[in-house]
């Protein structure tokens, strides 16, 4: 069973969003690589299908590549999640906190 916020949960969310997307894994990988992802296409494929682990930063870059691609295409629906919630805390200067 997946622990909330763990790699298996993030992988499952990515895979669900990917399978609903009008994109190939190669298209997502090209975007991922272009924004700084370091894993090869074979490694990404292995990660998506549960045969390989990726560090949190690589999983997040991959999720961002998919989400950004979906946004660019104007696709509504499921998005890939990140390894951590990205919400600024009040002491980080969020709007309306100063």
PDB file of N, CA and C in Angstrom:
ATOM      1  N   UNK A   1       0.846  -1.194   0.000  1.00  0.00           N
ATOM      2  CA  UNK A   1       0.000   0.000   0.000  1.00  0.00           C
ATOM      3  C   UNK A   1       0.881   1.243   0.000  1.00  0.00           C
ATOM      4  N   UNK A   2       0.509   2.219  -0.791  1.00  0.00           N
ATOM      5  CA  UNK A   2       1.304   3.434  -0.907  1.00  0.00           C
ATOM      6  C   UNK A   2       1.099   4.350   0.285  1.00  0.00           C
ATOM      7  N   UNK A   3       2.175   4.940   0.736  1.00  0.00           N
ATOM      8  CA  UNK A   3       2.136   5.939   1.792  1.00  0.00           C
ATOM      9  C   UNK A   3       1.888   7.284   1.121  1.00  0.00           C
ATOM     10  N   UNK A   4       0.957   8.131   1.632  1.00  0.00           N
ATOM     11  CA  UNK A   4       0.705   9.424   0.997  1.00  0.00           C
ATOM     12  C   UNK A   4       2.003  10.197   0.776  1.00  0.00           C
ATOM     13  N   UNK A   5       2.180  10.672  -0.443  1.00  0.00           N
ATOM     14  CA  UNK A   5       3.359  11.460  -0.770  1.00  0.00           C
ATOM     15  C   UNK A   5       4.575  10.635  -1.154  1.00  0.00           C
ATOM     16  N   UNK A   6       4.443   9.304  -1.198  1.00  0.00           N
ATOM     17  CA  UNK A   6       5.604   8.495  -1.528  1.00  0.00           C
ATOM     18  C   UNK A   6       5.748   8.313  -3.046  1.00  0.00           C
ATOM     19  N   UNK A   7       6.814   7.648  -3.426  1.00  0.00           N
ATOM     20  CA  UNK A   7       7.115   7.481  -4.853  1.00  0.00           C
ATOM     21  C   UNK A   7       6.039   6.682  -5.586  1.00  0.00           C
ATOM     22  N   UNK A   8       5.528   5.637  -4.964  1.00  0.00           N
ATOM     23  CA  UNK A   8       4.497   4.831  -5.632  1.00  0.00           C
ATOM     24  C   UNK A   8       3.237   5.645  -5.907  1.00  0.00           C
ATOM     25  N   UNK A   9       2.850   6.455  -4.934  1.00  0.00           N
ATOM     26  CA  UNK A   9       1.672   7.304  -5.122  1.00  0.00           C
ATOM     27  C   UNK A   9       1.914   8.320  -6.230  1.00  0.00           C
ATOM     28  N   UNK A  10       3.092   8.924  -6.243  1.00  0.00           N
ATOM     29  CA  UNK A  10       3.406   9.909  -7.276  1.00  0.00           C
ATOM     30  C   UNK A  10       3.452   9.226  -8.650  1.00  0.00           C
ATOM     31  N   UNK A  11       4.040   8.036  -8.728  1.00  0.00           N
ATOM     32  CA  UNK A  11       4.106   7.292  -9.983  1.00  0.00           C
ATOM     33  C   UNK A  11       2.702   6.984 -10.500  1.00  0.00           C
ATOM     34  N   UNK A  12       1.843   6.521  -9.599  1.00  0.00           N
ATOM     35  CA  UNK A  12       0.480   6.180  -9.995  1.00  0.00           C
ATOM     36  C   UNK A  12      -0.257   7.405 -10.530  1.00  0.00           C
ATOM     37  N   UNK A  13      -0.111   8.540  -9.845  1.00  0.00           N
ATOM     38  CA  UNK A  13      -0.745   9.772 -10.314  1.00  0.00           C
ATOM     39  C   UNK A  13      -0.214  10.210 -11.665  1.00  0.00           C
ATOM     40  N   UNK A  14       1.096  10.089 -11.845  1.00  0.00           N
ATOM     41  CA  UNK A  14       1.698  10.436 -13.133  1.00  0.00           C
ATOM     42  C   UNK A  14       1.136   9.530 -14.227  1.00  0.00           C
ATOM     43  N   UNK A  15       1.116   8.253 -13.938  1.00  0.00           N
ATOM     44  CA  UNK A  15       0.676   7.295 -14.956  1.00  0.00           C
ATOM     45  C   UNK A  15      -0.788   7.520 -15.342  1.00  0.00           C
ATOM     46  N   UNK A  16      -1.641   7.798 -14.378  1.00  0.00           N
ATOM     47  CA  UNK A  16      -3.049   8.077 -14.691  1.00  0.00           C
ATOM     48  C   UNK A  16      -3.189   9.321 -15.565  1.00  0.00           C
ATOM     49  N   UNK A  17      -2.444  10.372 -15.232  1.00  0.00           N
ATOM     50  CA  UNK A  17      -2.496  11.593 -16.037  1.00  0.00           C
ATOM     51  C   UNK A  17      -1.916  11.347 -17.427  1.00  0.00           C
ATOM     52  N   UNK A  18      -0.826  10.603 -17.492  1.00  0.00           N
ATOM     53  CA  UNK A  18      -0.187  10.298 -18.771  1.00  0.00           C
ATOM     54  C   UNK A  18      -1.107   9.469 -19.666  1.00  0.00           C
ATOM     55  N   UNK A  19      -1.736   8.447 -19.095  1.00  0.00           N
ATOM     56  CA  UNK A  19      -2.590   7.573 -19.894  1.00  0.00           C
ATOM     57  C   UNK A  19      -3.817   8.296 -20.448  1.00  0.00           C
ATOM     58  N   UNK A  20      -4.234   9.368 -19.799  1.00  0.00           N
ATOM     59  CA  UNK A  20      -5.370  10.160 -20.277  1.00  0.00           C
ATOM     60  C   UNK A  20      -4.930  11.264 -21.240  1.00  0.00           C
ATOM     61  N   UNK A  21      -3.628  11.445 -21.394  1.00  0.00           N
ATOM     62  CA  UNK A  21      -3.092  12.545 -22.198  1.00  0.00           C
ATOM     63  C   UNK A  21      -2.940  12.151 -23.666  1.00  0.00           C
ATOM     64  N   UNK A  22      -3.082  13.125 -24.549  1.00  0.00           N
ATOM     65  CA  UNK A  22      -2.873  12.868 -25.977  1.00  0.00           C
ATOM     66  C   UNK A  22      -1.396  13.012 -26.355  1.00  0.00           C
ATOM     67  N   UNK A  23      -0.534  12.431 -25.552  1.00  0.00           N
ATOM     68  CA  UNK A  23       0.916  12.564 -25.733  1.00  0.00           C
ATOM     69  C   UNK A  23       1.583  11.206 -25.613  1.00  0.00           C
ATOM     70  N   UNK A  24       2.718  11.069 -26.278  1.00  0.00           N
ATOM     71  CA  UNK A  24       3.518   9.858 -26.104  1.00  0.00           C
ATOM     72  C   UNK A  24       4.517  10.098 -24.981  1.00  0.00           C
ATOM     73  N   UNK A  25       5.050   9.031 -24.439  1.00  0.00           N
ATOM     74  CA  UNK A  25       6.065   9.167 -23.403  1.00  0.00           C
ATOM     75  C   UNK A  25       7.313   9.841 -23.969  1.00  0.00           C
ATOM     76  N   UNK A  26       7.605   9.590 -25.221  1.00  0.00           N
ATOM     77  CA  UNK A  26       8.754  10.244 -25.844  1.00  0.00           C
ATOM     78  C   UNK A  26       8.558  11.766 -25.904  1.00  0.00           C
ATOM     79  N   UNK A  27       7.356  12.225 -26.217  1.00  0.00           N
ATOM     80  CA  UNK A  27       7.080  13.667 -26.244  1.00  0.00           C
ATOM     81  C   UNK A  27       7.258  14.284 -24.856  1.00  0.00           C
ATOM     82  N   UNK A  28       6.784  13.579 -23.840  1.00  0.00           N
ATOM     83  CA  UNK A  28       6.931  14.080 -22.472  1.00  0.00           C
ATOM     84  C   UNK A  28       8.402  14.075 -22.080  1.00  0.00           C
ATOM     85  N   UNK A  29       9.115  13.023 -22.453  1.00  0.00           N
ATOM     86  CA  UNK A  29      10.538  12.943 -22.127  1.00  0.00           C
ATOM     87  C   UNK A  29      11.315  14.083 -22.782  1.00  0.00           C
ATOM     88  N   UNK A  30      11.011  14.412 -24.026  1.00  0.00           N
ATOM     89  CA  UNK A  30      11.707  15.519 -24.702  1.00  0.00           C
ATOM     90  C   UNK A  30      11.506  16.815 -23.924  1.00  0.00           C
ATOM     91  N   UNK A  31      10.288  17.068 -23.480  1.00  0.00           N
ATOM     92  CA  UNK A  31      10.005  18.249 -22.657  1.00  0.00           C
ATOM     93  C   UNK A  31      10.779  18.173 -21.343  1.00  0.00           C
ATOM     94  N   UNK A  32      10.735  17.011 -20.695  1.00  0.00           N
ATOM     95  CA  UNK A  32      11.443  16.773 -19.431  1.00  0.00           C
ATOM     96  C   UNK A  32      12.935  17.046 -19.590  1.00  0.00           C
ATOM     97  N   UNK A  33      13.522  16.492 -20.615  1.00  0.00           N
ATOM     98  CA  UNK A  33      14.946  16.681 -20.858  1.00  0.00           C
ATOM     99  C   UNK A  33      15.249  18.156 -21.140  1.00  0.00           C
ATOM    100  N   UNK A  34      14.375  18.807 -21.880  1.00  0.00           N
ATOM    101  CA  UNK A  34      14.558  20.215 -22.224  1.00  0.00           C
ATOM    102  C   UNK A  34      14.501  21.158 -21.028  1.00  0.00           C
ATOM    103  N   UNK A  35      13.810  20.752 -19.971  1.00  0.00           N
ATOM    104  CA  UNK A  35      13.733  21.625 -18.780  1.00  0.00           C
ATOM    105  C   UNK A  35      14.673  21.155 -17.674  1.00  0.00           C
ATOM    106  N   UNK A  36      15.590  20.260 -18.025  1.00  0.00           N
ATOM    107  CA  UNK A  36      16.634  19.912 -17.068  1.00  0.00           C
ATOM    108  C   UNK A  36      16.608  18.512 -16.507  1.00  0.00           C
ATOM    109  N   UNK A  37      15.675  17.664 -16.967  1.00  0.00           N
ATOM    110  CA  UNK A  37      15.639  16.285 -16.502  1.00  0.00           C
ATOM    111  C   UNK A  37      16.897  15.547 -16.913  1.00  0.00           C
ATOM    112  N   UNK A  38      17.353  14.654 -16.065  1.00  0.00           N
ATOM    113  CA  UNK A  38      18.631  13.987 -16.312  1.00  0.00           C
ATOM    114  C   UNK A  38      18.497  12.514 -16.667  1.00  0.00           C
ATOM    115  N   UNK A  39      17.343  11.911 -16.478  1.00  0.00           N
ATOM    116  CA  UNK A  39      17.171  10.489 -16.791  1.00  0.00           C
ATOM    117  C   UNK A  39      16.923  10.305 -18.283  1.00  0.00           C
ATOM    118  N   UNK A  40      17.401   9.194 -18.794  1.00  0.00           N
ATOM    119  CA  UNK A  40      17.172   8.866 -20.194  1.00  0.00           C
ATOM    120  C   UNK A  40      15.757   8.367 -20.423  1.00  0.00           C
ATOM    121  N   UNK A  41      15.384   8.274 -21.689  1.00  0.00           N
ATOM    122  CA  UNK A  41      14.042   7.818 -22.041  1.00  0.00           C
ATOM    123  C   UNK A  41      13.777   6.412 -21.499  1.00  0.00           C
ATOM    124  N   UNK A  42      14.744   5.518 -21.583  1.00  0.00           N
ATOM    125  CA  UNK A  42      14.574   4.161 -21.068  1.00  0.00           C
ATOM    126  C   UNK A  42      14.345   4.176 -19.564  1.00  0.00           C
ATOM    127  N   UNK A  43      15.070   5.022 -18.845  1.00  0.00           N
ATOM    128  CA  UNK A  43      14.896   5.128 -17.391  1.00  0.00           C
ATOM    129  C   UNK A  43      13.514   5.678 -17.040  1.00  0.00           C
ATOM    130  N   UNK A  44      13.060   6.676 -17.793  1.00  0.00           N
ATOM    131  CA  UNK A  44      11.739   7.255 -17.541  1.00  0.00           C
ATOM    132  C   UNK A  44      10.665   6.206 -17.804  1.00  0.00           C
ATOM    133  N   UNK A  45      10.800   5.475 -18.881  1.00  0.00           N
ATOM    134  CA  UNK A  45       9.846   4.414 -19.201  1.00  0.00           C
ATOM    135  C   UNK A  45       9.805   3.392 -18.061  1.00  0.00           C
ATOM    136  N   UNK A  46      10.974   2.981 -17.578  1.00  0.00           N
ATOM    137  CA  UNK A  46      11.050   2.017 -16.481  1.00  0.00           C
ATOM    138  C   UNK A  46      10.416   2.581 -15.210  1.00  0.00           C
ATOM    139  N   UNK A  47      10.617   3.866 -14.944  1.00  0.00           N
ATOM    140  CA  UNK A  47      10.003   4.505 -13.774  1.00  0.00           C
ATOM    141  C   UNK A  47       8.477   4.484 -13.890  1.00  0.00           C
ATOM    142  N   UNK A  48       7.961   4.910 -15.037  1.00  0.00           N
ATOM    143  CA  UNK A  48       6.507   5.009 -15.226  1.00  0.00           C
ATOM    144  C   UNK A  48       5.837   3.654 -15.022  1.00  0.00           C
ATOM    145  N   UNK A  49       6.507   2.594 -15.436  1.00  0.00           N
ATOM    146  CA  UNK A  49       5.916   1.266 -15.334  1.00  0.00           C
ATOM    147  C   UNK A  49       6.406   0.471 -14.123  1.00  0.00           C
ATOM    148  N   UNK A  50       7.027   1.161 -13.163  1.00  0.00           N
ATOM    149  CA  UNK A  50       7.331   0.581 -11.868  1.00  0.00           C
ATOM    150  C   UNK A  50       8.579  -0.268 -11.769  1.00  0.00           C
ATOM    151  N   UNK A  51       9.452  -0.225 -12.763  1.00  0.00           N
ATOM    152  CA  UNK A  51      10.652  -1.058 -12.739  1.00  0.00           C
ATOM    153  C   UNK A  51      11.886  -0.328 -12.219  1.00  0.00           C
ATOM    154  N   UNK A  52      11.777   0.976 -11.964  1.00  0.00           N
ATOM    155  CA  UNK A  52      12.927   1.773 -11.554  1.00  0.00           C
ATOM    156  C   UNK A  52      12.463   2.922 -10.685  1.00  0.00           C
ATOM    157  N   UNK A  53      13.291   3.280  -9.723  1.00  0.00           N
ATOM    158  CA  UNK A  53      13.033   4.458  -8.891  1.00  0.00           C
ATOM    159  C   UNK A  53      13.748   5.658  -9.490  1.00  0.00           C
ATOM    160  N   UNK A  54      13.177   6.812  -9.269  1.00  0.00           N
ATOM    161  CA  UNK A  54      13.843   8.072  -9.615  1.00  0.00           C
ATOM    162  C   UNK A  54      13.883   8.927  -8.359  1.00  0.00           C
ATOM    163  N   UNK A  55      14.920   9.760  -8.209  1.00  0.00           N
ATOM    164  CA  UNK A  55      14.961  10.686  -7.073  1.00  0.00           C
ATOM    165  C   UNK A  55      13.783  11.672  -7.146  1.00  0.00           C
ATOM    166  N   UNK A  56      13.368  12.203  -6.011  1.00  0.00           N
ATOM    167  CA  UNK A  56      12.239  13.136  -5.989  1.00  0.00           C
ATOM    168  C   UNK A  56      12.374  14.292  -6.977  1.00  0.00           C
ATOM    169  N   UNK A  57      13.545  14.867  -7.118  1.00  0.00           N
ATOM    170  CA  UNK A  57      13.694  16.003  -8.042  1.00  0.00           C
ATOM    171  C   UNK A  57      13.418  15.578  -9.482  1.00  0.00           C
ATOM    172  N   UNK A  58      13.857  14.393  -9.864  1.00  0.00           N
ATOM    173  CA  UNK A  58      13.607  13.914 -11.229  1.00  0.00           C
ATOM    174  C   UNK A  58      12.129  13.608 -11.441  1.00  0.00           C
ATOM    175  N   UNK A  59      11.483  13.041 -10.416  1.00  0.00           N
ATOM    176  CA  UNK A  59      10.043  12.785 -10.505  1.00  0.00           C
ATOM    177  C   UNK A  59       9.278  14.091 -10.650  1.00  0.00           C
ATOM    178  N   UNK A  60       9.717  15.114  -9.920  1.00  0.00           N
ATOM    179  CA  UNK A  60       9.042  16.407  -9.986  1.00  0.00           C
ATOM    180  C   UNK A  60       9.246  17.091 -11.337  1.00  0.00           C
ATOM    181  N   UNK A  61      10.437  16.989 -11.892  1.00  0.00           N
ATOM    182  CA  UNK A  61      10.686  17.572 -13.219  1.00  0.00           C
ATOM    183  C   UNK A  61       9.838  16.838 -14.256  1.00  0.00           C
ATOM    184  N   UNK A  62       9.730  15.527 -14.137  1.00  0.00           N
ATOM    185  CA  UNK A  62       8.910  14.747 -15.053  1.00  0.00           C
ATOM    186  C   UNK A  62       7.435  15.125 -14.931  1.00  0.00           C
ATOM    187  N   UNK A  63       6.949  15.259 -13.702  1.00  0.00           N
ATOM    188  CA  UNK A  63       5.565  15.686 -13.480  1.00  0.00           C
ATOM    189  C   UNK A  63       5.338  17.069 -14.078  1.00  0.00           C
ATOM    190  N   UNK A  64       6.294  17.957 -13.882  1.00  0.00           N
ATOM    191  CA  UNK A  64       6.164  19.311 -14.426  1.00  0.00           C
ATOM    192  C   UNK A  64       6.131  19.287 -15.951  1.00  0.00           C
ATOM    193  N   UNK A  65       6.956  18.444 -16.552  1.00  0.00           N
ATOM    194  CA  UNK A  65       6.968  18.342 -18.016  1.00  0.00           C
ATOM    195  C   UNK A  65       5.612  17.892 -18.540  1.00  0.00           C
ATOM    196  N   UNK A  66       5.015  16.901 -17.888  1.00  0.00           N
ATOM    197  CA  UNK A  66       3.689  16.445 -18.311  1.00  0.00           C
ATOM    198  C   UNK A  66       2.649  17.533 -18.100  1.00  0.00           C
ATOM    199  N   UNK A  67       2.635  18.130 -16.919  1.00  0.00           N
ATOM    200  CA  UNK A  67       1.633  19.155 -16.614  1.00  0.00           C
ATOM    201  C   UNK A  67       1.754  20.355 -17.541  1.00  0.00           C
ATOM    202  N   UNK A  68       2.969  20.790 -17.798  1.00  0.00           N
ATOM    203  CA  UNK A  68       3.181  21.931 -18.688  1.00  0.00           C
ATOM    204  C   UNK A  68       2.737  21.593 -20.116  1.00  0.00           C
ATOM    205  N   UNK A  69       3.013  20.380 -20.550  1.00  0.00           N
ATOM    206  CA  UNK A  69       2.587  19.953 -21.887  1.00  0.00           C
ATOM    207  C   UNK A  69       1.068  19.935 -21.988  1.00  0.00           C
ATOM    208  N   UNK A  70       0.405  19.434 -20.966  1.00  0.00           N
ATOM    209  CA  UNK A  70      -1.055  19.421 -20.971  1.00  0.00           C
ATOM    210  C   UNK A  70      -1.620  20.832 -20.973  1.00  0.00           C
ATOM    211  N   UNK A  71      -1.021  21.721 -20.196  1.00  0.00           N
ATOM    212  CA  UNK A  71      -1.461  23.116 -20.178  1.00  0.00           C
ATOM    213  C   UNK A  71      -1.302  23.756 -21.544  1.00  0.00           C
ATOM    214  N   UNK A  72      -0.165  23.511 -22.189  1.00  0.00           N
ATOM    215  CA  UNK A  72       0.099  24.078 -23.510  1.00  0.00           C
ATOM    216  C   UNK A  72      -0.940  23.607 -24.529  1.00  0.00           C
ATOM    217  N   UNK A  73      -1.341  22.354 -24.419  1.00  0.00           N
ATOM    218  CA  UNK A  73      -2.338  21.800 -25.339  1.00  0.00           C
ATOM    219  C   UNK A  73      -3.767  22.191 -24.960  1.00  0.00           C
ATOM    220  N   UNK A  74      -3.934  22.818 -23.807  1.00  0.00           N
ATOM    221  CA  UNK A  74      -5.263  23.204 -23.347  1.00  0.00           C
ATOM    222  C   UNK A  74      -6.105  22.018 -22.889  1.00  0.00           C
ATOM    223  N   UNK A  75      -5.446  20.963 -22.450  1.00  0.00           N
ATOM    224  CA  UNK A  75      -6.142  19.762 -21.994  1.00  0.00           C
ATOM    225  C   UNK A  75      -6.578  19.954 -20.546  1.00  0.00           C
ATOM    226  N   UNK A  76      -7.860  19.735 -20.290  1.00  0.00           N
ATOM    227  CA  UNK A  76      -8.377  19.783 -18.920  1.00  0.00           C
ATOM    228  C   UNK A  76      -8.298  18.385 -18.327  1.00  0.00           C
ATOM    229  N   UNK A  77      -8.326  18.307 -17.024  1.00  0.00           N
ATOM    230  CA  UNK A  77      -8.359  17.001 -16.384  1.00  0.00           C
ATOM    231  C   UNK A  77      -7.208  16.781 -15.439  1.00  0.00           C
ATOM    232  N   UNK A  78      -6.923  15.523 -15.207  1.00  0.00           N
ATOM    233  CA  UNK A  78      -5.935  15.083 -14.229  1.00  0.00           C
ATOM    234  C   UNK A  78      -4.555  15.639 -14.548  1.00  0.00           C
ATOM    235  N   UNK A  79      -3.836  15.973 -13.477  1.00  0.00           N
ATOM    236  CA  UNK A  79      -2.446  16.411 -13.578  1.00  0.00           C
ATOM    237  C   UNK A  79      -1.583  15.527 -12.696  1.00  0.00           C
ATOM    238  N   UNK A  80      -0.316  15.450 -13.030  1.00  0.00           N
ATOM    239  CA  UNK A  80       0.649  14.700 -12.224  1.00  0.00           C
ATOM    240  C   UNK A  80       0.944  15.488 -10.955  1.00  0.00           C
ATOM    241  N   UNK A  81       1.156  14.777  -9.866  1.00  0.00           N
ATOM    242  CA  UNK A  81       1.457  15.433  -8.593  1.00  0.00           C
ATOM    243  C   UNK A  81       2.967  15.537  -8.385  1.00  0.00           C
ATOM    244  N   UNK A  82       3.329  16.373  -7.450  1.00  0.00           N
ATOM    245  CA  UNK A  82       4.729  16.578  -7.092  1.00  0.00           C
ATOM    246  C   UNK A  82       5.028  15.841  -5.787  1.00  0.00           C
ATOM    247  N   UNK A  83       6.302  15.674  -5.495  1.00  0.00           N
ATOM    248  CA  UNK A  83       6.681  14.927  -4.303  1.00  0.00           C
ATOM    249  C   UNK A  83       6.311  15.657  -3.019  1.00  0.00           C
ATOM    250  N   UNK A  84       6.182  16.964  -3.078  1.00  0.00           N
ATOM    251  CA  UNK A  84       5.780  17.769  -1.932  1.00  0.00           C
ATOM    252  C   UNK A  84       4.826  18.847  -2.412  1.00  0.00           C
ATOM    253  N   UNK A  85       3.928  19.253  -1.533  1.00  0.00           N
ATOM    254  CA  UNK A  85       3.058  20.376  -1.859  1.00  0.00           C
ATOM    255  C   UNK A  85       3.911  21.624  -1.991  1.00  0.00           C
ATOM    256  N   UNK A  86       3.598  22.414  -2.984  1.00  0.00           N
ATOM    257  CA  UNK A  86       4.377  23.635  -3.209  1.00  0.00           C
ATOM    258  C   UNK A  86       3.485  24.823  -2.879  1.00  0.00           C
ATOM    259  N   UNK A  87       3.467  25.173  -1.610  1.00  0.00           N
ATOM    260  CA  UNK A  87       2.688  26.311  -1.130  1.00  0.00           C
ATOM    261  C   UNK A  87       3.611  27.200  -0.310  1.00  0.00           C
ATOM    262  N   UNK A  88       3.718  28.475  -0.658  1.00  0.00           N
ATOM    263  CA  UNK A  88       4.570  29.336   0.154  1.00  0.00           C
ATOM    264  C   UNK A  88       4.005  29.514   1.553  1.00  0.00           C
ATOM    265  N   UNK A  89       4.873  29.491   2.531  1.00  0.00           N
ATOM    266  CA  UNK A  89       4.429  29.743   3.893  1.00  0.00           C
ATOM    267  C   UNK A  89       4.349  31.254   4.096  1.00  0.00           C
ATOM    268  N   UNK A  90       3.591  31.704   5.099  1.00  0.00           N
ATOM    269  CA  UNK A  90       3.442  33.142   5.314  1.00  0.00           C
ATOM    270  C   UNK A  90       4.767  33.870   5.468  1.00  0.00           C
ATOM    271  N   UNK A  91       5.765  33.226   6.055  1.00  0.00           N
ATOM    272  CA  UNK A  91       7.049  33.903   6.247  1.00  0.00           C
ATOM    273  C   UNK A  91       7.878  33.955   4.969  1.00  0.00           C
ATOM    274  N   UNK A  92       7.377  33.357   3.860  1.00  0.00           N
ATOM    275  CA  UNK A  92       8.100  33.407   2.589  1.00  0.00           C
ATOM    276  C   UNK A  92       7.563  34.513   1.697  1.00  0.00           C
ATOM    277  N   UNK A  93       6.741  35.386   2.236  1.00  0.00           N
ATOM    278  CA  UNK A  93       6.279  36.526   1.482  1.00  0.00           C
ATOM    279  C   UNK A  93       5.117  36.238   0.556  1.00  0.00           C
ATOM    280  N   UNK A  94       4.241  35.352   0.966  1.00  0.00           N
ATOM    281  CA  UNK A  94       3.046  35.084   0.153  1.00  0.00           C
ATOM    282  C   UNK A  94       2.230  36.362   0.071  1.00  0.00           C
ATOM    283  N   UNK A  95       1.513  36.571  -1.037  1.00  0.00           N
ATOM    284  CA  UNK A  95       0.716  37.788  -1.187  1.00  0.00           C
ATOM    285  C   UNK A  95      -0.235  37.985  -0.018  1.00  0.00           C
ATOM    286  N   UNK A  96      -0.311  39.183   0.462  1.00  0.00           N
ATOM    287  CA  UNK A  96      -1.221  39.535   1.548  1.00  0.00           C
ATOM    288  C   UNK A  96      -0.710  39.193   2.946  1.00  0.00           C
ATOM    289  N   UNK A  97       0.555  38.800   3.051  1.00  0.00           N
ATOM    290  CA  UNK A  97       1.071  38.439   4.369  1.00  0.00           C
ATOM    291  C   UNK A  97       2.054  39.462   4.903  1.00  0.00           C
ATOM    292  N   UNK A  98       2.346  40.479   4.126  1.00  0.00           N
ATOM    293  CA  UNK A  98       3.314  41.500   4.600  1.00  0.00           C
ATOM    294  C   UNK A  98       2.604  42.706   5.124  1.00  0.00           C
TER     295      UNK A  98
END
